[in-house]
Amino acid sequence: MSQPLVSIGMPIFDAEQYLASALRAILAQDYPNFELIISDNGSKDGTKEICLEFQKTDSRIRYIRHPKNLGASKNFALP
C-alpha cells in the first residue's frame, strides 16, 4: 500500500540566514512521500539562490517566487 502524498507549504521572505538548515531538516524526514512547496515573497537576499540549489538536487521541492512582496496572506495563495 502506497503512502499518501503530504504537501508542506513554506512561505518565506528574506530567509537566507536559516533557510539551508531548515530545508535540510525537512528533507531529512523519514516519511518519503512528500512535496515541499516554497513560496518566496519577493526576497531580496540570497533566498532565491539557496532554493534553486536545493531544487536542483531534490525533485520533491517546488519553488515559486513572486517578483515583489505581496504581503503575507497573498504569499500563502498558490498561483
PDB file of N, CA and C in Angstrom:
ATOM      1  N   MET A   1       0.843  -1.181   0.000  1.00  0.00           N
ATOM      2  CA  MET A   1       0.000   0.000   0.000  1.00  0.00           C
ATOM      3  C   MET A   1       0.890   1.246   0.000  1.00  0.00           C
ATOM      4  N   SER A   2       0.638   2.155  -0.929  1.00  0.00           N
ATOM      5  CA  SER A   2       1.463   3.355  -1.003  1.00  0.00           C
ATOM      6  C   SER A   2       1.020   4.381   0.034  1.00  0.00           C
ATOM      7  N   GLN A   3       1.954   5.182   0.437  1.00  0.00           N
ATOM      8  CA  GLN A   3       1.674   6.216   1.427  1.00  0.00           C
ATOM      9  C   GLN A   3       1.125   7.452   0.727  1.00  0.00           C
ATOM     10  N   PRO A   4       0.179   8.156   1.348  1.00  0.00           N
ATOM     11  CA  PRO A   4      -0.387   9.347   0.709  1.00  0.00           C
ATOM     12  C   PRO A   4       0.644  10.468   0.594  1.00  0.00           C
ATOM     13  N   LEU A   5       0.485  11.289  -0.433  1.00  0.00           N
ATOM     14  CA  LEU A   5       1.350  12.434  -0.624  1.00  0.00           C
ATOM     15  C   LEU A   5       0.997  13.499   0.408  1.00  0.00           C
ATOM     16  N   VAL A   6       2.003  14.005   1.081  1.00  0.00           N
ATOM     17  CA  VAL A   6       1.845  15.094   2.037  1.00  0.00           C
ATOM     18  C   VAL A   6       2.495  16.334   1.434  1.00  0.00           C
ATOM     19  N   SER A   7       1.754  17.427   1.391  1.00  0.00           N
ATOM     20  CA  SER A   7       2.279  18.696   0.884  1.00  0.00           C
ATOM     21  C   SER A   7       2.642  19.587   2.055  1.00  0.00           C
ATOM     22  N   ILE A   8       3.856  20.108   2.017  1.00  0.00           N
ATOM     23  CA  ILE A   8       4.348  21.015   3.050  1.00  0.00           C
ATOM     24  C   ILE A   8       4.504  22.382   2.403  1.00  0.00           C
ATOM     25  N   GLY A   9       3.806  23.368   2.929  1.00  0.00           N
ATOM     26  CA  GLY A   9       3.927  24.735   2.425  1.00  0.00           C
ATOM     27  C   GLY A   9       4.909  25.527   3.271  1.00  0.00           C
ATOM     28  N   MET A  10       5.797  26.253   2.597  1.00  0.00           N
ATOM     29  CA  MET A  10       6.806  27.039   3.305  1.00  0.00           C
ATOM     30  C   MET A  10       6.819  28.453   2.735  1.00  0.00           C
ATOM     31  N   PRO A  11       6.008  29.363   3.296  1.00  0.00           N
ATOM     32  CA  PRO A  11       6.062  30.752   2.850  1.00  0.00           C
ATOM     33  C   PRO A  11       7.293  31.427   3.461  1.00  0.00           C
ATOM     34  N   ILE A  12       8.057  32.133   2.629  1.00  0.00           N
ATOM     35  CA  ILE A  12       9.303  32.734   3.123  1.00  0.00           C
ATOM     36  C   ILE A  12       9.479  34.140   2.570  1.00  0.00           C
ATOM     37  N   PHE A  13      10.287  34.913   3.271  1.00  0.00           N
ATOM     38  CA  PHE A  13      10.729  36.232   2.810  1.00  0.00           C
ATOM     39  C   PHE A  13      12.072  36.516   3.469  1.00  0.00           C
ATOM     40  N   ASP A  14      13.068  36.814   2.663  1.00  0.00           N
ATOM     41  CA  ASP A  14      14.422  37.093   3.144  1.00  0.00           C
ATOM     42  C   ASP A  14      14.854  36.087   4.217  1.00  0.00           C
ATOM     43  N   ALA A  15      14.838  34.827   3.853  1.00  0.00           N
ATOM     44  CA  ALA A  15      15.093  33.740   4.794  1.00  0.00           C
ATOM     45  C   ALA A  15      16.505  33.175   4.703  1.00  0.00           C
ATOM     46  N   GLU A  16      17.377  33.870   4.033  1.00  0.00           N
ATOM     47  CA  GLU A  16      18.723  33.374   3.751  1.00  0.00           C
ATOM     48  C   GLU A  16      19.446  32.822   4.990  1.00  0.00           C
ATOM     49  N   GLN A  17      19.326  33.482   6.120  1.00  0.00           N
ATOM     50  CA  GLN A  17      20.119  33.116   7.298  1.00  0.00           C
ATOM     51  C   GLN A  17      19.848  31.693   7.784  1.00  0.00           C
ATOM     52  N   TYR A  18      18.586  31.253   7.776  1.00  0.00           N
ATOM     53  CA  TYR A  18      18.243  29.939   8.333  1.00  0.00           C
ATOM     54  C   TYR A  18      17.685  28.961   7.304  1.00  0.00           C
ATOM     55  N   LEU A  19      17.574  29.377   6.072  1.00  0.00           N
ATOM     56  CA  LEU A  19      16.886  28.576   5.061  1.00  0.00           C
ATOM     57  C   LEU A  19      17.556  27.232   4.790  1.00  0.00           C
ATOM     58  N   ALA A  20      18.840  27.213   4.571  1.00  0.00           N
ATOM     59  CA  ALA A  20      19.521  25.954   4.236  1.00  0.00           C
ATOM     60  C   ALA A  20      19.349  24.923   5.346  1.00  0.00           C
ATOM     61  N   SER A  21      19.492  25.335   6.593  1.00  0.00           N
ATOM     62  CA  SER A  21      19.338  24.366   7.688  1.00  0.00           C
ATOM     63  C   SER A  21      17.884  23.912   7.810  1.00  0.00           C
ATOM     64  N   ALA A  22      16.931  24.798   7.571  1.00  0.00           N
ATOM     65  CA  ALA A  22      15.517  24.402   7.607  1.00  0.00           C
ATOM     66  C   ALA A  22      15.207  23.411   6.489  1.00  0.00           C
ATOM     67  N   LEU A  23      15.732  23.656   5.298  1.00  0.00           N
ATOM     68  CA  LEU A  23      15.493  22.746   4.173  1.00  0.00           C
ATOM     69  C   LEU A  23      16.127  21.379   4.432  1.00  0.00           C
ATOM     70  N   ARG A  24      17.343  21.368   4.955  1.00  0.00           N
ATOM     71  CA  ARG A  24      17.982  20.082   5.268  1.00  0.00           C
ATOM     72  C   ARG A  24      17.155  19.295   6.285  1.00  0.00           C
ATOM     73  N   ALA A  25      16.607  19.969   7.270  1.00  0.00           N
ATOM     74  CA  ALA A  25      15.798  19.291   8.294  1.00  0.00           C
ATOM     75  C   ALA A  25      14.518  18.712   7.690  1.00  0.00           C
ATOM     76  N   ILE A  26      13.869  19.468   6.835  1.00  0.00           N
ATOM     77  CA  ILE A  26      12.636  18.973   6.197  1.00  0.00           C
ATOM     78  C   ILE A  26      12.946  17.786   5.293  1.00  0.00           C
ATOM     79  N   LEU A  27      13.987  17.896   4.502  1.00  0.00           N
ATOM     80  CA  LEU A  27      14.325  16.835   3.548  1.00  0.00           C
ATOM     81  C   LEU A  27      14.835  15.567   4.237  1.00  0.00           C
ATOM     82  N   ALA A  28      15.246  15.670   5.483  1.00  0.00           N
ATOM     83  CA  ALA A  28      15.747  14.512   6.221  1.00  0.00           C
ATOM     84  C   ALA A  28      14.642  13.723   6.918  1.00  0.00           C
ATOM     85  N   GLN A  29      13.403  14.145   6.783  1.00  0.00           N
ATOM     86  CA  GLN A  29      12.299  13.432   7.424  1.00  0.00           C
ATOM     87  C   GLN A  29      12.252  11.988   6.925  1.00  0.00           C
ATOM     88  N   ASP A  30      11.765  11.091   7.771  1.00  0.00           N
ATOM     89  CA  ASP A  30      11.738   9.688   7.365  1.00  0.00           C
ATOM     90  C   ASP A  30      10.476   9.307   6.595  1.00  0.00           C
ATOM     91  N   TYR A  31       9.507  10.205   6.505  1.00  0.00           N
ATOM     92  CA  TYR A  31       8.336   9.940   5.665  1.00  0.00           C
ATOM     93  C   TYR A  31       8.715  10.322   4.233  1.00  0.00           C
ATOM     94  N   PRO A  32       8.700   9.381   3.309  1.00  0.00           N
ATOM     95  CA  PRO A  32       9.276   9.634   1.990  1.00  0.00           C
ATOM     96  C   PRO A  32       8.364  10.334   0.973  1.00  0.00           C
ATOM     97  N   ASN A  33       7.066  10.231   1.128  1.00  0.00           N
ATOM     98  CA  ASN A  33       6.168  10.703   0.071  1.00  0.00           C
ATOM     99  C   ASN A  33       5.611  12.086   0.394  1.00  0.00           C
ATOM    100  N   PHE A  34       6.467  13.094   0.220  1.00  0.00           N
ATOM    101  CA  PHE A  34       6.018  14.467   0.436  1.00  0.00           C
ATOM    102  C   PHE A  34       6.577  15.384  -0.632  1.00  0.00           C
ATOM    103  N   GLU A  35       5.919  16.524  -0.766  1.00  0.00           N
ATOM    104  CA  GLU A  35       6.431  17.586  -1.624  1.00  0.00           C
ATOM    105  C   GLU A  35       6.565  18.825  -0.752  1.00  0.00           C
ATOM    106  N   LEU A  36       7.568  19.620  -1.042  1.00  0.00           N
ATOM    107  CA  LEU A  36       7.798  20.864  -0.326  1.00  0.00           C
ATOM    108  C   LEU A  36       7.558  22.006  -1.303  1.00  0.00           C
ATOM    109  N   ILE A  37       6.558  22.810  -1.015  1.00  0.00           N
ATOM    110  CA  ILE A  37       6.229  23.949  -1.866  1.00  0.00           C
ATOM    111  C   ILE A  37       6.717  25.207  -1.159  1.00  0.00           C
ATOM    112  N   ILE A  38       7.717  25.847  -1.744  1.00  0.00           N
ATOM    113  CA  ILE A  38       8.292  27.059  -1.169  1.00  0.00           C
ATOM    114  C   ILE A  38       7.726  28.249  -1.932  1.00  0.00           C
ATOM    115  N   SER A  39       7.108  29.166  -1.206  1.00  0.00           N
ATOM    116  CA  SER A  39       6.548  30.371  -1.809  1.00  0.00           C
ATOM    117  C   SER A  39       7.343  31.567  -1.309  1.00  0.00           C
ATOM    118  N   ASP A  40       8.178  32.109  -2.173  1.00  0.00           N
ATOM    119  CA  ASP A  40       9.078  33.207  -1.838  1.00  0.00           C
ATOM    120  C   ASP A  40       8.386  34.533  -2.144  1.00  0.00           C
ATOM    121  N   ASN A  41       8.239  35.339  -1.130  1.00  0.00           N
ATOM    122  CA  ASN A  41       7.505  36.592  -1.238  1.00  0.00           C
ATOM    123  C   ASN A  41       8.413  37.747  -1.662  1.00  0.00           C
ATOM    124  N   GLY A  42       9.141  37.552  -2.756  1.00  0.00           N
ATOM    125  CA  GLY A  42       9.977  38.617  -3.318  1.00  0.00           C
ATOM    126  C   GLY A  42      11.225  38.913  -2.505  1.00  0.00           C
ATOM    127  N   SER A  43      11.869  37.886  -1.983  1.00  0.00           N
ATOM    128  CA  SER A  43      13.078  38.088  -1.171  1.00  0.00           C
ATOM    129  C   SER A  43      14.131  38.872  -1.932  1.00  0.00           C
ATOM    130  N   LYS A  44      14.885  39.667  -1.180  1.00  0.00           N
ATOM    131  CA  LYS A  44      15.939  40.487  -1.775  1.00  0.00           C
ATOM    132  C   LYS A  44      17.332  40.025  -1.341  1.00  0.00           C
ATOM    133  N   ASP A  45      17.409  38.952  -0.563  1.00  0.00           N
ATOM    134  CA  ASP A  45      18.700  38.424  -0.145  1.00  0.00           C
ATOM    135  C   ASP A  45      19.040  37.193  -0.988  1.00  0.00           C
ATOM    136  N   GLY A  46      19.780  36.266  -0.482  1.00  0.00           N
ATOM    137  CA  GLY A  46      20.184  35.081  -1.241  1.00  0.00           C
ATOM    138  C   GLY A  46      19.197  33.929  -1.196  1.00  0.00           C
ATOM    139  N   THR A  47      17.980  34.181  -0.766  1.00  0.00           N
ATOM    140  CA  THR A  47      16.963  33.139  -0.641  1.00  0.00           C
ATOM    141  C   THR A  47      16.724  32.408  -1.959  1.00  0.00           C
ATOM    142  N   LYS A  48      16.569  33.133  -3.033  1.00  0.00           N
ATOM    143  CA  LYS A  48      16.275  32.522  -4.336  1.00  0.00           C
ATOM    144  C   LYS A  48      17.364  31.527  -4.729  1.00  0.00           C
ATOM    145  N   GLU A  49      18.600  31.919  -4.595  1.00  0.00           N
ATOM    146  CA  GLU A  49      19.710  31.065  -5.000  1.00  0.00           C
ATOM    147  C   GLU A  49      19.764  29.781  -4.160  1.00  0.00           C
ATOM    148  N   ILE A  50      19.519  29.914  -2.877  1.00  0.00           N
ATOM    149  CA  ILE A  50      19.516  28.737  -1.995  1.00  0.00           C
ATOM    150  C   ILE A  50      18.407  27.778  -2.411  1.00  0.00           C
ATOM    151  N   CYS A  51      17.212  28.315  -2.649  1.00  0.00           N
ATOM    152  CA  CYS A  51      16.078  27.474  -3.051  1.00  0.00           C
ATOM    153  C   CYS A  51      16.355  26.763  -4.373  1.00  0.00           C
ATOM    154  N   LEU A  52      16.904  27.479  -5.330  1.00  0.00           N
ATOM    155  CA  LEU A  52      17.177  26.872  -6.636  1.00  0.00           C
ATOM    156  C   LEU A  52      18.225  25.771  -6.533  1.00  0.00           C
ATOM    157  N   GLU A  53      19.230  25.957  -5.677  1.00  0.00           N
ATOM    158  CA  GLU A  53      20.246  24.916  -5.476  1.00  0.00           C
ATOM    159  C   GLU A  53      19.620  23.650  -4.897  1.00  0.00           C
ATOM    160  N   PHE A  54      18.788  23.802  -3.882  1.00  0.00           N
ATOM    161  CA  PHE A  54      18.132  22.644  -3.277  1.00  0.00           C
ATOM    162  C   PHE A  54      17.163  21.994  -4.258  1.00  0.00           C
ATOM    163  N   GLN A  55      16.471  22.803  -5.043  1.00  0.00           N
ATOM    164  CA  GLN A  55      15.510  22.269  -6.015  1.00  0.00           C
ATOM    165  C   GLN A  55      16.217  21.418  -7.077  1.00  0.00           C
ATOM    166  N   LYS A  56      17.434  21.803  -7.451  1.00  0.00           N
ATOM    167  CA  LYS A  56      18.204  21.035  -8.435  1.00  0.00           C
ATOM    168  C   LYS A  56      18.499  19.618  -7.954  1.00  0.00           C
ATOM    169  N   THR A  57      18.674  19.461  -6.655  1.00  0.00           N
ATOM    170  CA  THR A  57      19.105  18.170  -6.124  1.00  0.00           C
ATOM    171  C   THR A  57      17.978  17.332  -5.531  1.00  0.00           C
ATOM    172  N   ASP A  58      16.786  17.904  -5.414  1.00  0.00           N
ATOM    173  CA  ASP A  58      15.679  17.148  -4.806  1.00  0.00           C
ATOM    174  C   ASP A  58      14.375  17.455  -5.537  1.00  0.00           C
ATOM    175  N   SER A  59      13.836  16.459  -6.204  1.00  0.00           N
ATOM    176  CA  SER A  59      12.636  16.648  -7.022  1.00  0.00           C
ATOM    177  C   SER A  59      11.366  16.871  -6.202  1.00  0.00           C
ATOM    178  N   ARG A  60      11.454  16.709  -4.893  1.00  0.00           N
ATOM    179  CA  ARG A  60      10.284  16.947  -4.042  1.00  0.00           C
ATOM    180  C   ARG A  60      10.036  18.439  -3.792  1.00  0.00           C
ATOM    181  N   ILE A  61      10.988  19.279  -4.185  1.00  0.00           N
ATOM    182  CA  ILE A  61      10.883  20.713  -3.939  1.00  0.00           C
ATOM    183  C   ILE A  61      10.283  21.414  -5.151  1.00  0.00           C
ATOM    184  N   ARG A  62       9.271  22.241  -4.881  1.00  0.00           N
ATOM    185  CA  ARG A  62       8.702  23.126  -5.909  1.00  0.00           C
ATOM    186  C   ARG A  62       8.870  24.552  -5.401  1.00  0.00           C
ATOM    187  N   TYR A  63       9.610  25.352  -6.149  1.00  0.00           N
ATOM    188  CA  TYR A  63       9.922  26.725  -5.738  1.00  0.00           C
ATOM    189  C   TYR A  63       9.118  27.707  -6.577  1.00  0.00           C
ATOM    190  N   ILE A  64       8.374  28.561  -5.892  1.00  0.00           N
ATOM    191  CA  ILE A  64       7.585  29.608  -6.551  1.00  0.00           C
ATOM    192  C   ILE A  64       8.084  30.940  -6.001  1.00  0.00           C
ATOM    193  N   ARG A  65       8.416  31.853  -6.893  1.00  0.00           N
ATOM    194  CA  ARG A  65       8.924  33.158  -6.445  1.00  0.00           C
ATOM    195  C   ARG A  65       8.057  34.265  -7.004  1.00  0.00           C
ATOM    196  N   HIS A  66       7.549  35.086  -6.110  1.00  0.00           N
ATOM    197  CA  HIS A  66       6.815  36.277  -6.532  1.00  0.00           C
ATOM    198  C   HIS A  66       7.844  37.377  -6.798  1.00  0.00           C
ATOM    199  N   PRO A  67       7.680  38.138  -7.875  1.00  0.00           N
ATOM    200  CA  PRO A  67       8.681  39.158  -8.207  1.00  0.00           C
ATOM    201  C   PRO A  67       8.725  40.318  -7.219  1.00  0.00           C
ATOM    202  N   LYS A  68       7.654  40.513  -6.460  1.00  0.00           N
ATOM    203  CA  LYS A  68       7.656  41.564  -5.432  1.00  0.00           C
ATOM    204  C   LYS A  68       6.892  41.048  -4.221  1.00  0.00           C
ATOM    205  N   ASN A  69       7.085  41.712  -3.096  1.00  0.00           N
ATOM    206  CA  ASN A  69       6.427  41.325  -1.860  1.00  0.00           C
ATOM    207  C   ASN A  69       4.937  41.636  -1.968  1.00  0.00           C
ATOM    208  N   LEU A  70       4.118  40.595  -1.831  1.00  0.00           N
ATOM    209  CA  LEU A  70       2.666  40.712  -1.968  1.00  0.00           C
ATOM    210  C   LEU A  70       1.966  40.844  -0.626  1.00  0.00           C
ATOM    211  N   GLY A  71       2.710  40.744   0.449  1.00  0.00           N
ATOM    212  CA  GLY A  71       2.099  40.678   1.780  1.00  0.00           C
ATOM    213  C   GLY A  71       1.943  39.222   2.176  1.00  0.00           C
ATOM    214  N   ALA A  72       1.852  38.992   3.469  1.00  0.00           N
ATOM    215  CA  ALA A  72       1.859  37.627   3.993  1.00  0.00           C
ATOM    216  C   ALA A  72       0.697  36.789   3.472  1.00  0.00           C
ATOM    217  N   SER A  73      -0.519  37.288   3.517  1.00  0.00           N
ATOM    218  CA  SER A  73      -1.676  36.476   3.152  1.00  0.00           C
ATOM    219  C   SER A  73      -1.659  36.068   1.684  1.00  0.00           C
ATOM    220  N   LYS A  74      -1.244  36.949   0.804  1.00  0.00           N
ATOM    221  CA  LYS A  74      -1.200  36.592  -0.619  1.00  0.00           C
ATOM    222  C   LYS A  74      -0.039  35.640  -0.920  1.00  0.00           C
ATOM    223  N   ASN A  75       0.997  35.641  -0.102  1.00  0.00           N
ATOM    224  CA  ASN A  75       2.101  34.706  -0.313  1.00  0.00           C
ATOM    225  C   ASN A  75       1.687  33.272  -0.015  1.00  0.00           C
ATOM    226  N   PHE A  76       0.637  33.082   0.769  1.00  0.00           N
ATOM    227  CA  PHE A  76       0.155  31.735   1.069  1.00  0.00           C
ATOM    228  C   PHE A  76      -0.650  31.140  -0.086  1.00  0.00           C
ATOM    229  N   ALA A  77      -1.184  31.976  -0.964  1.00  0.00           N
ATOM    230  CA  ALA A  77      -2.017  31.507  -2.070  1.00  0.00           C
ATOM    231  C   ALA A  77      -1.127  31.074  -3.238  1.00  0.00           C
ATOM    232  N   LEU A  78      -1.359  29.883  -3.739  1.00  0.00           N
ATOM    233  CA  LEU A  78      -0.590  29.408  -4.890  1.00  0.00           C
ATOM    234  C   LEU A  78      -1.142  30.015  -6.174  1.00  0.00           C
ATOM    235  N   PRO A  79      -0.255  30.320  -7.105  1.00  0.00           N
ATOM    236  CA  PRO A  79      -0.723  30.878  -8.396  1.00  0.00           C
ATOM    237  C   PRO A  79      -1.440  29.848  -9.242  1.00  0.00           C
TER     238      PRO A  79
END
